[in-house]
């Protein structure tokens, strides 16, 4: 019976997915080459599945392009004074579609831009205490103005929500 309930929850959560295409007419238009280029400052929170904020963080991002590949060098400082680094390599496959890799990403991340939105999906090898868990991340990023991007991420394990991340990214004056 528990297995059947779990299966139904997974099915229901899969049915609620939205499509990035629904944002095709939204403005300002997000161009990853424009936003992810130069220095970016980000602030964020991590919430557990009940909504409680369990961690706050700052991120300094250095973004650059070489051909069709973007490097996002992210340096995190968390509210508990721990630090981490993630270096993303995002490759533009075709107009508005991307794939990405980082040292703690399992497999290949897939993404698509439409209008003011970027949908990015991947599995992260997430350290929790002395253990590691493969957690599915669904990032929804929305360009609010030419210098501000809001990212909402839902984290799931076996189709069950385990937490959320909210990030506000601001482009620094890159003069």
N, C-alpha and C. Protein backbone atom coordinates (compact mmCIF):
# COMPACT_ATOMS: atom_id res chain seq x y z
N UNK A 1 0.82 -1.19 0.00
CA UNK A 1 0.00 0.00 0.00
C UNK A 1 0.87 1.27 0.00
N UNK A 2 1.95 1.27 0.82
CA UNK A 2 2.84 2.43 0.86
C UNK A 2 3.48 2.66 -0.51
N UNK A 3 3.84 1.56 -1.17
CA UNK A 3 4.45 1.68 -2.49
C UNK A 3 3.46 2.31 -3.48
N UNK A 4 2.21 1.90 -3.41
CA UNK A 4 1.18 2.44 -4.30
C UNK A 4 0.99 3.94 -4.06
N UNK A 5 0.97 4.36 -2.81
CA UNK A 5 0.83 5.78 -2.48
C UNK A 5 2.04 6.57 -2.99
N UNK A 6 3.24 6.02 -2.80
CA UNK A 6 4.45 6.67 -3.29
C UNK A 6 4.41 6.80 -4.81
N UNK A 7 3.99 5.75 -5.49
CA UNK A 7 3.88 5.78 -6.94
C UNK A 7 2.89 6.84 -7.41
N UNK A 8 1.77 6.97 -6.72
CA UNK A 8 0.78 7.98 -7.07
C UNK A 8 1.32 9.40 -6.86
N UNK A 9 2.08 9.60 -5.77
CA UNK A 9 2.68 10.91 -5.51
C UNK A 9 3.67 11.29 -6.61
N UNK A 10 4.47 10.33 -7.02
CA UNK A 10 5.42 10.58 -8.10
C UNK A 10 4.68 10.93 -9.39
N UNK A 11 3.62 10.17 -9.70
CA UNK A 11 2.83 10.43 -10.90
C UNK A 11 2.21 11.82 -10.85
N UNK A 12 1.63 12.19 -9.72
CA UNK A 12 0.99 13.50 -9.60
C UNK A 12 1.99 14.64 -9.71
N UNK A 13 3.18 14.46 -9.13
CA UNK A 13 4.18 15.52 -9.22
C UNK A 13 4.68 15.67 -10.65
N UNK A 14 4.72 14.58 -11.41
CA UNK A 14 5.15 14.65 -12.81
C UNK A 14 4.11 15.36 -13.66
N UNK A 15 2.85 15.26 -13.29
CA UNK A 15 1.77 15.88 -14.07
C UNK A 15 1.72 17.39 -13.90
N UNK A 16 2.35 17.92 -12.87
CA UNK A 16 2.24 19.34 -12.59
C UNK A 16 3.34 20.17 -13.23
N UNK A 17 4.22 19.54 -14.02
CA UNK A 17 5.32 20.27 -14.63
C UNK A 17 4.81 21.33 -15.60
N UNK A 18 5.43 22.51 -15.55
CA UNK A 18 5.11 23.55 -16.49
C UNK A 18 6.15 23.53 -17.61
N UNK A 19 5.86 24.18 -18.69
CA UNK A 19 6.77 24.23 -19.83
C UNK A 19 7.38 25.62 -19.94
N UNK A 20 8.66 25.67 -20.27
CA UNK A 20 9.34 26.95 -20.44
C UNK A 20 8.76 27.73 -21.62
N UNK A 21 8.18 27.04 -22.57
CA UNK A 21 7.60 27.68 -23.76
C UNK A 21 6.50 28.67 -23.40
N UNK A 22 5.81 28.43 -22.28
CA UNK A 22 4.72 29.35 -21.91
C UNK A 22 5.21 30.76 -21.61
N UNK A 23 6.52 30.96 -21.47
CA UNK A 23 7.08 32.27 -21.18
C UNK A 23 7.64 32.95 -22.43
N UNK A 24 7.39 32.39 -23.62
CA UNK A 24 8.02 32.88 -24.85
C UNK A 24 7.74 34.35 -25.15
N UNK A 25 6.62 34.88 -24.72
CA UNK A 25 6.29 36.29 -24.99
C UNK A 25 6.63 37.23 -23.84
N UNK A 26 7.19 36.68 -22.77
CA UNK A 26 7.52 37.51 -21.60
C UNK A 26 8.80 38.30 -21.84
N UNK A 27 8.81 39.51 -21.31
CA UNK A 27 9.98 40.37 -21.42
C UNK A 27 10.40 40.83 -20.04
N UNK A 28 11.63 41.27 -19.85
CA UNK A 28 12.66 41.38 -20.87
C UNK A 28 13.16 40.00 -21.30
N UNK A 29 13.57 39.87 -22.55
CA UNK A 29 14.05 38.60 -23.09
C UNK A 29 15.38 38.25 -22.43
N UNK A 30 15.49 37.01 -22.00
CA UNK A 30 16.72 36.53 -21.38
C UNK A 30 17.67 36.00 -22.45
N UNK A 31 18.81 36.60 -22.53
CA UNK A 31 19.90 36.11 -23.38
C UNK A 31 21.02 35.69 -22.43
N UNK A 32 21.28 34.38 -22.35
CA UNK A 32 22.29 33.91 -21.40
C UNK A 32 23.65 34.54 -21.66
N UNK A 33 24.00 34.76 -22.93
CA UNK A 33 25.29 35.38 -23.26
C UNK A 33 25.41 36.79 -22.68
N UNK A 34 24.30 37.48 -22.55
CA UNK A 34 24.33 38.83 -21.99
C UNK A 34 24.35 38.80 -20.47
N UNK A 35 23.43 38.02 -19.87
CA UNK A 35 23.36 38.05 -18.41
C UNK A 35 24.56 37.35 -17.78
N UNK A 36 24.88 36.15 -18.26
CA UNK A 36 26.01 35.40 -17.69
C UNK A 36 27.29 35.78 -18.42
N UNK A 37 27.71 37.02 -18.18
CA UNK A 37 28.94 37.54 -18.76
C UNK A 37 29.45 38.62 -17.82
N UNK A 38 30.58 38.37 -17.17
CA UNK A 38 31.13 39.33 -16.22
C UNK A 38 30.90 38.88 -14.78
N UNK A 39 30.94 39.84 -13.89
CA UNK A 39 30.80 39.57 -12.45
C UNK A 39 29.34 39.64 -12.04
N UNK A 40 28.91 38.66 -11.23
CA UNK A 40 27.54 38.59 -10.74
C UNK A 40 27.60 38.31 -9.24
N UNK A 41 26.80 39.04 -8.49
CA UNK A 41 26.66 38.81 -7.04
C UNK A 41 25.30 38.16 -6.80
N UNK A 42 25.26 37.11 -5.98
CA UNK A 42 24.00 36.43 -5.71
C UNK A 42 23.82 36.23 -4.21
N UNK A 43 22.57 36.29 -3.79
CA UNK A 43 22.17 36.03 -2.41
C UNK A 43 21.08 34.96 -2.44
N UNK A 44 21.11 34.04 -1.47
CA UNK A 44 20.09 33.01 -1.51
C UNK A 44 19.81 32.37 -0.18
N UNK A 45 18.76 31.56 -0.19
CA UNK A 45 18.37 30.77 0.98
C UNK A 45 18.08 29.34 0.55
N UNK A 46 18.27 28.43 1.49
CA UNK A 46 17.90 27.03 1.32
C UNK A 46 16.82 26.75 2.35
N UNK A 47 15.72 26.17 1.88
CA UNK A 47 14.61 25.80 2.76
C UNK A 47 14.44 24.29 2.77
N UNK A 48 14.07 23.75 3.93
CA UNK A 48 13.77 22.33 3.98
C UNK A 48 12.37 22.10 3.42
N UNK A 49 11.91 20.86 3.43
CA UNK A 49 10.61 20.56 2.79
C UNK A 49 9.42 21.21 3.48
N UNK A 50 9.60 21.63 4.76
CA UNK A 50 8.51 22.30 5.46
C UNK A 50 8.51 23.81 5.20
N UNK A 51 9.56 24.32 4.54
CA UNK A 51 9.66 25.75 4.25
C UNK A 51 10.58 26.50 5.19
N UNK A 52 11.10 25.84 6.21
CA UNK A 52 12.01 26.49 7.16
C UNK A 52 13.34 26.79 6.48
N UNK A 53 13.83 28.03 6.66
CA UNK A 53 15.14 28.41 6.12
C UNK A 53 16.21 27.72 6.97
N UNK A 54 17.01 26.89 6.32
CA UNK A 54 18.04 26.14 7.03
C UNK A 54 19.45 26.66 6.73
N UNK A 55 19.57 27.49 5.69
CA UNK A 55 20.87 28.06 5.36
C UNK A 55 20.68 29.29 4.48
N UNK A 56 21.55 30.28 4.68
CA UNK A 56 21.61 31.45 3.82
C UNK A 56 23.00 31.44 3.18
N UNK A 57 23.12 32.10 2.01
CA UNK A 57 24.42 32.11 1.36
C UNK A 57 24.59 33.32 0.45
N UNK A 58 25.86 33.63 0.18
CA UNK A 58 26.29 34.62 -0.81
C UNK A 58 27.09 33.87 -1.86
N UNK A 59 26.99 34.31 -3.11
CA UNK A 59 27.77 33.70 -4.18
C UNK A 59 28.37 34.79 -5.04
N UNK A 60 29.68 34.70 -5.26
CA UNK A 60 30.34 35.54 -6.26
C UNK A 60 30.52 34.69 -7.49
N UNK A 61 30.00 35.17 -8.62
CA UNK A 61 30.05 34.41 -9.87
C UNK A 61 30.87 35.19 -10.88
N UNK A 62 31.83 34.51 -11.47
CA UNK A 62 32.61 35.08 -12.57
C UNK A 62 32.19 34.31 -13.82
N UNK A 63 31.52 34.99 -14.76
CA UNK A 63 30.97 34.33 -15.95
C UNK A 63 31.68 34.82 -17.20
N UNK A 64 32.02 33.86 -18.07
CA UNK A 64 32.68 34.22 -19.33
C UNK A 64 32.33 33.20 -20.41
N UNK A 65 32.43 33.63 -21.64
CA UNK A 65 32.13 32.79 -22.80
C UNK A 65 33.38 32.60 -23.65
N UNK A 66 33.52 31.40 -24.15
CA UNK A 66 34.53 31.10 -25.16
C UNK A 66 33.82 30.26 -26.21
N UNK A 67 33.55 30.87 -27.36
CA UNK A 67 32.77 30.19 -28.40
C UNK A 67 31.36 29.95 -27.90
N UNK A 68 30.91 28.69 -27.96
CA UNK A 68 29.54 28.35 -27.53
C UNK A 68 29.48 27.83 -26.09
N UNK A 69 30.58 28.03 -25.33
CA UNK A 69 30.64 27.51 -23.97
C UNK A 69 30.82 28.64 -22.96
N UNK A 70 29.96 28.61 -21.94
CA UNK A 70 30.01 29.57 -20.85
C UNK A 70 30.62 28.89 -19.62
N UNK A 71 31.53 29.57 -18.96
CA UNK A 71 32.07 29.10 -17.69
C UNK A 71 31.49 29.98 -16.59
N UNK A 72 30.85 29.35 -15.62
CA UNK A 72 30.33 30.04 -14.44
C UNK A 72 31.14 29.55 -13.24
N UNK A 73 32.04 30.39 -12.76
CA UNK A 73 32.87 30.06 -11.59
C UNK A 73 32.17 30.64 -10.37
N UNK A 74 31.55 29.77 -9.57
CA UNK A 74 30.72 30.19 -8.43
C UNK A 74 31.45 29.91 -7.12
N UNK A 75 31.59 30.95 -6.30
CA UNK A 75 32.22 30.83 -4.98
C UNK A 75 31.18 31.15 -3.93
N UNK A 76 30.79 30.12 -3.13
CA UNK A 76 29.74 30.23 -2.13
C UNK A 76 30.33 30.47 -0.75
N UNK A 77 29.67 31.33 0.04
CA UNK A 77 29.95 31.50 1.46
C UNK A 77 28.61 31.36 2.17
N UNK A 78 28.49 30.36 3.04
CA UNK A 78 27.23 30.05 3.71
C UNK A 78 27.15 30.72 5.08
N UNK A 79 25.94 30.80 5.62
CA UNK A 79 25.70 31.45 6.90
C UNK A 79 26.43 30.78 8.06
N UNK A 80 26.82 29.52 7.91
CA UNK A 80 27.59 28.83 8.95
C UNK A 80 29.10 28.97 8.72
N UNK A 81 29.47 29.90 7.82
CA UNK A 81 30.86 30.21 7.47
C UNK A 81 31.57 29.13 6.67
N UNK A 82 30.86 28.12 6.19
CA UNK A 82 31.48 27.15 5.28
C UNK A 82 31.53 27.76 3.89
N UNK A 83 32.43 27.23 3.08
CA UNK A 83 32.63 27.73 1.72
C UNK A 83 32.66 26.57 0.75
N UNK A 84 32.25 26.85 -0.48
CA UNK A 84 32.36 25.85 -1.54
C UNK A 84 32.48 26.55 -2.88
N UNK A 85 32.89 25.78 -3.86
CA UNK A 85 33.05 26.29 -5.22
C UNK A 85 32.40 25.31 -6.19
N UNK A 86 31.75 25.87 -7.19
CA UNK A 86 31.21 25.04 -8.28
C UNK A 86 31.56 25.77 -9.58
N UNK A 87 32.12 25.05 -10.53
CA UNK A 87 32.42 25.62 -11.83
C UNK A 87 31.56 24.90 -12.86
N UNK A 88 30.60 25.65 -13.40
CA UNK A 88 29.71 25.14 -14.45
C UNK A 88 30.35 25.38 -15.80
N UNK A 89 30.17 24.44 -16.70
CA UNK A 89 30.45 24.61 -18.13
C UNK A 89 29.11 24.43 -18.83
N UNK A 90 28.56 25.52 -19.37
CA UNK A 90 27.30 25.48 -20.11
C UNK A 90 27.61 25.58 -21.59
N UNK A 91 27.11 24.63 -22.34
CA UNK A 91 27.34 24.62 -23.78
C UNK A 91 26.03 24.85 -24.50
N UNK A 92 26.03 25.83 -25.42
CA UNK A 92 24.85 26.09 -26.24
C UNK A 92 24.82 25.04 -27.35
N UNK A 93 23.76 24.22 -27.35
CA UNK A 93 23.64 23.15 -28.34
C UNK A 93 22.99 23.66 -29.62
N UNK A 94 21.94 24.40 -29.46
CA UNK A 94 21.20 25.01 -30.56
C UNK A 94 20.61 26.28 -29.98
N UNK A 95 19.95 27.02 -30.79
CA UNK A 95 19.36 28.25 -30.30
C UNK A 95 18.47 27.97 -29.10
N UNK A 96 18.83 28.55 -27.97
CA UNK A 96 18.04 28.51 -26.74
C UNK A 96 18.07 27.18 -25.98
N UNK A 97 18.86 26.20 -26.40
CA UNK A 97 18.99 24.95 -25.63
C UNK A 97 20.44 24.77 -25.19
N UNK A 98 20.60 24.26 -23.97
CA UNK A 98 21.92 24.17 -23.36
C UNK A 98 22.07 22.85 -22.62
N UNK A 99 23.33 22.46 -22.44
CA UNK A 99 23.63 21.38 -21.51
C UNK A 99 24.79 21.85 -20.65
N UNK A 100 24.85 21.29 -19.44
CA UNK A 100 25.86 21.76 -18.51
C UNK A 100 26.48 20.63 -17.72
N UNK A 101 27.68 20.92 -17.23
CA UNK A 101 28.40 19.98 -16.38
C UNK A 101 29.13 20.74 -15.28
N UNK A 102 29.27 20.09 -14.13
CA UNK A 102 30.06 20.59 -13.01
C UNK A 102 30.55 19.36 -12.25
N UNK A 103 31.55 19.53 -11.39
CA UNK A 103 32.15 18.39 -10.70
C UNK A 103 31.15 17.60 -9.85
N UNK A 104 30.13 18.25 -9.32
CA UNK A 104 29.18 17.58 -8.44
C UNK A 104 27.83 17.30 -9.11
N UNK A 105 27.78 17.48 -10.42
CA UNK A 105 26.56 17.17 -11.18
C UNK A 105 26.70 15.75 -11.73
N UNK A 106 25.67 14.95 -11.50
CA UNK A 106 25.66 13.57 -11.98
C UNK A 106 25.09 13.58 -13.40
N UNK A 107 25.90 13.18 -14.37
CA UNK A 107 25.45 13.18 -15.75
C UNK A 107 25.49 14.58 -16.34
N UNK A 108 24.53 14.85 -17.23
CA UNK A 108 24.48 16.11 -17.97
C UNK A 108 23.23 16.89 -17.57
N UNK A 109 23.42 18.17 -17.27
CA UNK A 109 22.29 19.07 -17.01
C UNK A 109 21.71 19.51 -18.35
N UNK A 110 20.40 19.70 -18.39
CA UNK A 110 19.71 20.13 -19.62
C UNK A 110 18.96 21.42 -19.33
N UNK A 111 19.02 22.36 -20.28
CA UNK A 111 18.34 23.63 -20.08
C UNK A 111 17.77 24.21 -21.36
N UNK A 112 16.80 25.10 -21.19
CA UNK A 112 16.17 25.77 -22.33
C UNK A 112 15.72 27.17 -21.91
N UNK A 113 15.92 28.12 -22.82
CA UNK A 113 15.50 29.51 -22.60
C UNK A 113 14.30 29.80 -23.48
N UNK A 114 13.34 30.53 -22.92
CA UNK A 114 12.19 31.01 -23.69
C UNK A 114 11.70 32.30 -23.04
N UNK A 115 11.62 33.37 -23.82
CA UNK A 115 11.19 34.66 -23.27
C UNK A 115 12.13 35.12 -22.18
N UNK A 116 11.57 35.37 -20.99
CA UNK A 116 12.40 35.82 -19.86
C UNK A 116 12.82 34.69 -18.94
N UNK A 117 12.56 33.43 -19.33
CA UNK A 117 12.77 32.29 -18.44
C UNK A 117 13.86 31.34 -18.94
N UNK A 118 14.53 30.72 -17.97
CA UNK A 118 15.50 29.66 -18.23
C UNK A 118 15.14 28.50 -17.32
N UNK A 119 14.85 27.34 -17.91
CA UNK A 119 14.56 26.12 -17.15
C UNK A 119 15.80 25.25 -17.25
N UNK A 120 16.30 24.80 -16.08
CA UNK A 120 17.54 24.03 -16.02
C UNK A 120 17.31 22.86 -15.08
N UNK A 121 17.61 21.65 -15.52
CA UNK A 121 17.31 20.44 -14.76
C UNK A 121 18.56 19.57 -14.67
N UNK A 122 18.84 19.06 -13.46
CA UNK A 122 20.04 18.24 -13.26
C UNK A 122 19.93 17.47 -11.95
N UNK A 123 20.88 16.53 -11.77
CA UNK A 123 21.00 15.77 -10.53
C UNK A 123 22.32 16.18 -9.90
N UNK A 124 22.24 16.56 -8.63
CA UNK A 124 23.42 17.03 -7.90
C UNK A 124 23.80 15.99 -6.84
N UNK A 125 25.09 15.71 -6.74
CA UNK A 125 25.62 14.86 -5.68
C UNK A 125 25.76 15.75 -4.45
N UNK A 126 24.76 15.70 -3.58
CA UNK A 126 24.63 16.65 -2.48
C UNK A 126 25.17 16.05 -1.18
N UNK A 127 26.21 16.68 -0.59
CA UNK A 127 26.70 16.19 0.70
C UNK A 127 25.77 16.61 1.84
N UNK A 128 25.42 15.66 2.69
CA UNK A 128 24.62 15.93 3.88
C UNK A 128 25.30 15.18 5.03
N UNK A 129 25.95 15.94 5.92
CA UNK A 129 26.71 15.29 6.98
C UNK A 129 27.84 14.46 6.38
N UNK A 130 27.91 13.20 6.78
CA UNK A 130 28.94 12.30 6.26
C UNK A 130 28.49 11.52 5.03
N UNK A 131 27.28 11.79 4.56
CA UNK A 131 26.72 11.05 3.43
C UNK A 131 26.58 11.96 2.20
N UNK A 132 26.34 11.32 1.06
CA UNK A 132 26.06 12.02 -0.19
C UNK A 132 24.76 11.45 -0.76
N UNK A 133 23.94 12.35 -1.32
CA UNK A 133 22.68 11.93 -1.92
C UNK A 133 22.56 12.54 -3.31
N UNK A 134 22.06 11.75 -4.26
CA UNK A 134 21.76 12.27 -5.58
C UNK A 134 20.38 12.90 -5.54
N UNK A 135 20.33 14.23 -5.67
CA UNK A 135 19.09 14.98 -5.54
C UNK A 135 18.79 15.66 -6.87
N UNK A 136 17.54 15.55 -7.31
CA UNK A 136 17.10 16.16 -8.57
C UNK A 136 16.79 17.63 -8.33
N UNK A 137 17.36 18.50 -9.17
CA UNK A 137 17.15 19.94 -9.08
C UNK A 137 16.41 20.42 -10.32
N UNK A 138 15.36 21.21 -10.11
CA UNK A 138 14.65 21.89 -11.19
C UNK A 138 14.76 23.38 -10.94
N UNK A 139 15.58 24.05 -11.75
CA UNK A 139 15.78 25.49 -11.62
C UNK A 139 14.85 26.22 -12.58
N UNK A 140 14.17 27.21 -12.07
CA UNK A 140 13.40 28.15 -12.89
C UNK A 140 13.99 29.52 -12.64
N UNK A 141 14.58 30.12 -13.68
CA UNK A 141 15.20 31.44 -13.56
C UNK A 141 14.41 32.42 -14.41
N UNK A 142 14.17 33.61 -13.86
CA UNK A 142 13.40 34.63 -14.54
C UNK A 142 14.15 35.95 -14.53
N UNK A 143 14.36 36.52 -15.71
CA UNK A 143 15.00 37.82 -15.82
C UNK A 143 13.99 38.89 -15.44
N UNK A 144 14.28 39.63 -14.36
CA UNK A 144 13.36 40.66 -13.88
C UNK A 144 13.63 42.01 -14.54
N UNK A 145 14.90 42.33 -14.70
CA UNK A 145 15.34 43.49 -15.47
C UNK A 145 16.72 43.16 -16.00
N UNK A 146 17.38 44.07 -16.70
CA UNK A 146 18.64 43.73 -17.37
C UNK A 146 19.75 43.31 -16.42
N UNK A 147 19.60 43.61 -15.14
CA UNK A 147 20.66 43.28 -14.17
C UNK A 147 20.23 42.33 -13.06
N UNK A 148 18.99 41.82 -13.09
CA UNK A 148 18.49 41.00 -11.99
C UNK A 148 17.81 39.73 -12.50
N UNK A 149 18.26 38.59 -11.96
CA UNK A 149 17.68 37.29 -12.29
C UNK A 149 17.25 36.62 -10.99
N UNK A 150 16.00 36.15 -10.96
CA UNK A 150 15.47 35.44 -9.80
C UNK A 150 15.43 33.96 -10.14
N UNK A 151 15.99 33.12 -9.26
CA UNK A 151 16.00 31.67 -9.48
C UNK A 151 15.28 30.97 -8.34
N UNK A 152 14.34 30.10 -8.70
CA UNK A 152 13.62 29.26 -7.74
C UNK A 152 13.93 27.81 -8.12
N UNK A 153 14.37 27.05 -7.14
CA UNK A 153 14.76 25.66 -7.40
C UNK A 153 14.00 24.74 -6.48
N UNK A 154 13.46 23.69 -7.06
CA UNK A 154 12.83 22.64 -6.25
C UNK A 154 13.75 21.44 -6.27
N UNK A 155 14.01 20.90 -5.07
CA UNK A 155 14.85 19.71 -4.92
C UNK A 155 13.96 18.53 -4.58
N UNK A 156 14.14 17.42 -5.31
CA UNK A 156 13.35 16.22 -5.04
C UNK A 156 14.26 15.00 -5.00
N UNK A 157 13.80 14.02 -4.27
CA UNK A 157 14.45 12.71 -4.20
C UNK A 157 13.34 11.68 -4.37
N UNK A 158 13.44 10.82 -5.36
CA UNK A 158 12.42 9.82 -5.69
C UNK A 158 11.06 10.49 -5.94
N UNK A 159 11.10 11.71 -6.50
CA UNK A 159 9.87 12.42 -6.81
C UNK A 159 9.23 13.15 -5.63
N UNK A 160 9.85 13.07 -4.47
CA UNK A 160 9.32 13.72 -3.27
C UNK A 160 10.14 14.97 -2.97
N UNK A 161 9.44 16.08 -2.75
CA UNK A 161 10.12 17.35 -2.45
C UNK A 161 10.90 17.25 -1.15
N UNK A 162 12.18 17.64 -1.22
CA UNK A 162 13.02 17.64 -0.03
C UNK A 162 13.48 19.04 0.36
N UNK A 163 13.27 20.03 -0.54
CA UNK A 163 13.65 21.38 -0.20
C UNK A 163 13.54 22.31 -1.39
N UNK A 164 13.86 23.58 -1.13
CA UNK A 164 13.85 24.61 -2.16
C UNK A 164 15.03 25.54 -1.96
N UNK A 165 15.46 26.14 -3.06
CA UNK A 165 16.50 27.16 -3.03
C UNK A 165 15.95 28.37 -3.77
N UNK A 166 16.17 29.55 -3.20
CA UNK A 166 15.79 30.80 -3.86
C UNK A 166 17.03 31.67 -3.94
N UNK A 167 17.31 32.20 -5.14
CA UNK A 167 18.50 33.01 -5.36
C UNK A 167 18.13 34.26 -6.14
N UNK A 168 18.69 35.39 -5.74
CA UNK A 168 18.59 36.62 -6.52
C UNK A 168 19.99 36.94 -6.99
N UNK A 169 20.16 37.02 -8.32
CA UNK A 169 21.46 37.32 -8.94
C UNK A 169 21.43 38.73 -9.49
N UNK A 170 22.49 39.49 -9.20
CA UNK A 170 22.59 40.87 -9.68
C UNK A 170 23.92 41.06 -10.40
N UNK A 171 23.83 41.54 -11.63
CA UNK A 171 25.05 41.82 -12.39
C UNK A 171 25.76 43.01 -11.76
N UNK A 172 27.05 42.88 -11.57
CA UNK A 172 27.83 44.00 -11.08
C UNK A 172 28.16 44.91 -12.25
N UNK A 173 28.48 46.15 -11.96
CA UNK A 173 28.88 47.07 -13.00
C UNK A 173 30.23 46.61 -13.51
N UNK A 174 30.28 46.09 -14.71
CA UNK A 174 31.49 45.46 -15.26
C UNK A 174 32.31 46.42 -16.12
N UNK A 175 32.35 47.66 -15.73
CA UNK A 175 33.12 48.65 -16.51
C UNK A 175 34.57 48.59 -16.18
